[in-house]
Amino acid sequence: MPVEDRSAGPDFPVGQRPARLPVGQRLHPLGDLEFAGVRGRVPPEAGHRELSCLVEQALGHDAIFPWDALAVRTNRLPVFCFRRSPTSSVAIGTGLARRAPTRCLAASGMLWLGPIRQRGALVSPSMHRSHRVAGALVGSAVGDALGAPFEFGPPGQFTARFPVPARGAKTEMCGGGSLGWEPGEFTDDTQMALLLATSLVDNDGLDLADVFARFSQWAAAGPPDIGNQTRAVLGSGRPWDVAAEEHFARSGHAAGNGSMMRTTPAAIWFARFGPATTTEAARRISTLTHGDPSAGEGCAIFHELMRVALDGGHPLAAVPAALDVVAEEHRERWATMLAPSWTPADATESNGAVWPTLGQAMWALRHGRDFAEVLRLVIDLGGDTDTVACVAGGLAGAVYGMGGIPSRWASVVHGRVPGHGDRVWRLADLQQLAAALDTGVQQSYDPGVIPRIGPTEVLPGIWAANLDGARYSEKDFAVISLCRLGEPFEHELQRMAYVADNEHNSDLGVVLADVLEDMAALRAEGHRLLVHCHGGASRTGLVLRAWLMRTEGMTADEATAHVAEHWPHLGLWNASFTAALDCLDR
């Protein structure tokens, strides 16, 4: 699709008119411009693919930043109008162009695009930190579970099995593999991460002896999946402060990815203490099982990239600064591995080693356009798919936020930690743990008992309820949950979307599109859908109205009137929900 260069005017700061930028010029986030823009004409019929082509032509296929750093606007309205930045006169958007509803993208006229910079890094400016923190921990576990069935298989298996998104009752969380994983079950990567996380929270900081003891108890319980390096060290019977060092001295081989796969919780915990503290902690935790300094330096880089992402920057832009924390004798090799020109074909070791693990994760983050595509890219590389997807999922979750993780994946992630009781960890547990890691405060959530409302059939095949109305409903419903649950439901088929009834939903358009696509797929399979939130009012009403707009072609006002007539509990107090529907309407 041809792109007109219609930019005009001098360089300008955030919120003013676009600077002149020749079409096709590459933009680098470490350049001098605070903001750079490109204009192009969008045909009336433009949809996801056409908009994607325009972006690629205007900014170049190898632009260093992902597209969530793009502000997008037509001459009629901001395409992403869910939240407005107080520092910008152009209502900076907060989602990915290709993931916004087609109805919104089809507005004809002028389109301008530009990366947003804040404190030297590209950002999605309005995403609340809690969304990034939850996204990091859950994203890591989701990557682990999604990649596990394909571990040590050949390249391309994931896409061969799932050429298109699987949004019905059977999703890409397929389970199986050589160890017979359940759909959504995480592996040793997340098991060890949870041991590290709970040690940090329980001890209000790092107690290396305690972490090692938890690891050893886990290893002694015979987990079905454990790395050779980790097994040898934890089973040696040697003290925590010498076991890994002695193993490395004997074998000379200790640069596996086993210390990186588990370090996301520590990266979250130490992020608030700054670069020096988080990178040093990464090295110390790594040495518990991996005596090779290369593994520790890789974890230090990961920690710094995660710290930047949780602060609202982008890991790709943070690579040069992260390399500065690496010991000089390791810096050149890591610089090569993390260079924009590096590809998985350039790897000299399998992705069971620490270097290609992080290299492949960053390569996928550079080329993927959303969380789902980042994971598809790394799993399709084959090899140690659960660990590479675990590492990539942690970083991508911090970048795209909890709302960027497909609910069909996050909703089913689960697992136990051998040697540490029978507790089954689920999505809500991971989200609660993530919050504790970021704040140092443990909080439990108990919604209590509330009077049941519903289920009531509001639209053909679609029921509505509040939390307890849904909890105690017939078990054949496919439940769409839009709030925290407390105790899990007994329904076999459930999707849990990350929506807060406040103004912090910077990724609301992405979440809403994900929910509507899943609902369409489930209805096509004949399932009765039950949509609910805590009170059954605001969030439930948002989804019901959006569904009518998408399926029946109603305007926002028409959909609101229709839902209000059939569901008197509809709540209209959330202005960001109204703005989201207005965007769909146009």
Foldseek 3Di string as FASTA:
>chain_A
DDFDFPADDDQDAAADGAHRDDFPDADALQDDGQKHKGKGWDALQDFLVNVVVRCCRRHNQQRQAFQQQKFKCFPVAGLAQLAADPVHPRRGAGAGRNQFDRLLVNHGHMMMIMGHDDPSFTFSPQFDLLQLLLQQLLQLLLQLQLLQQQAQHAFPPLCVVPVDADQAQAGSLHAHHPLRGDRQEGAPLALLLVLQLVVCLVVVHDDQQSSLVSLLLLLVLPGVDDDPLQNQQSVVPDGQVCSQVVVCVVPVDFQFQSLVSNCLLLLQQCLVVDLVRSLVVQLVNSSSRGVDSNNSLLSSLLSVLSSQLSVGGHSSSCNVVSLVVGDPVCSVLLCQLSPSPDDLVPDPDFNRGSSVLVSLLNNLNSNPNALVSSLSSQSSNHHRRSRSSSSSSSNRSSRRGNQRPQQVSQQRNWYDRRSPDDDIDHSVNSSQSSVCSNPSDHDADDLDDDDWDDQDPQDVLETEIAQVNVQPDDQQAQEEEAEDRRDDHPRPHYGYGDDDLASNPSVVSSNLSSVLVSVVNHVVVPHRYYYYYHGRAEVVLLNQLVNCCVPVVDQSVVSNVSSCVRPVRYDDPRVSSVSSSNSSRD
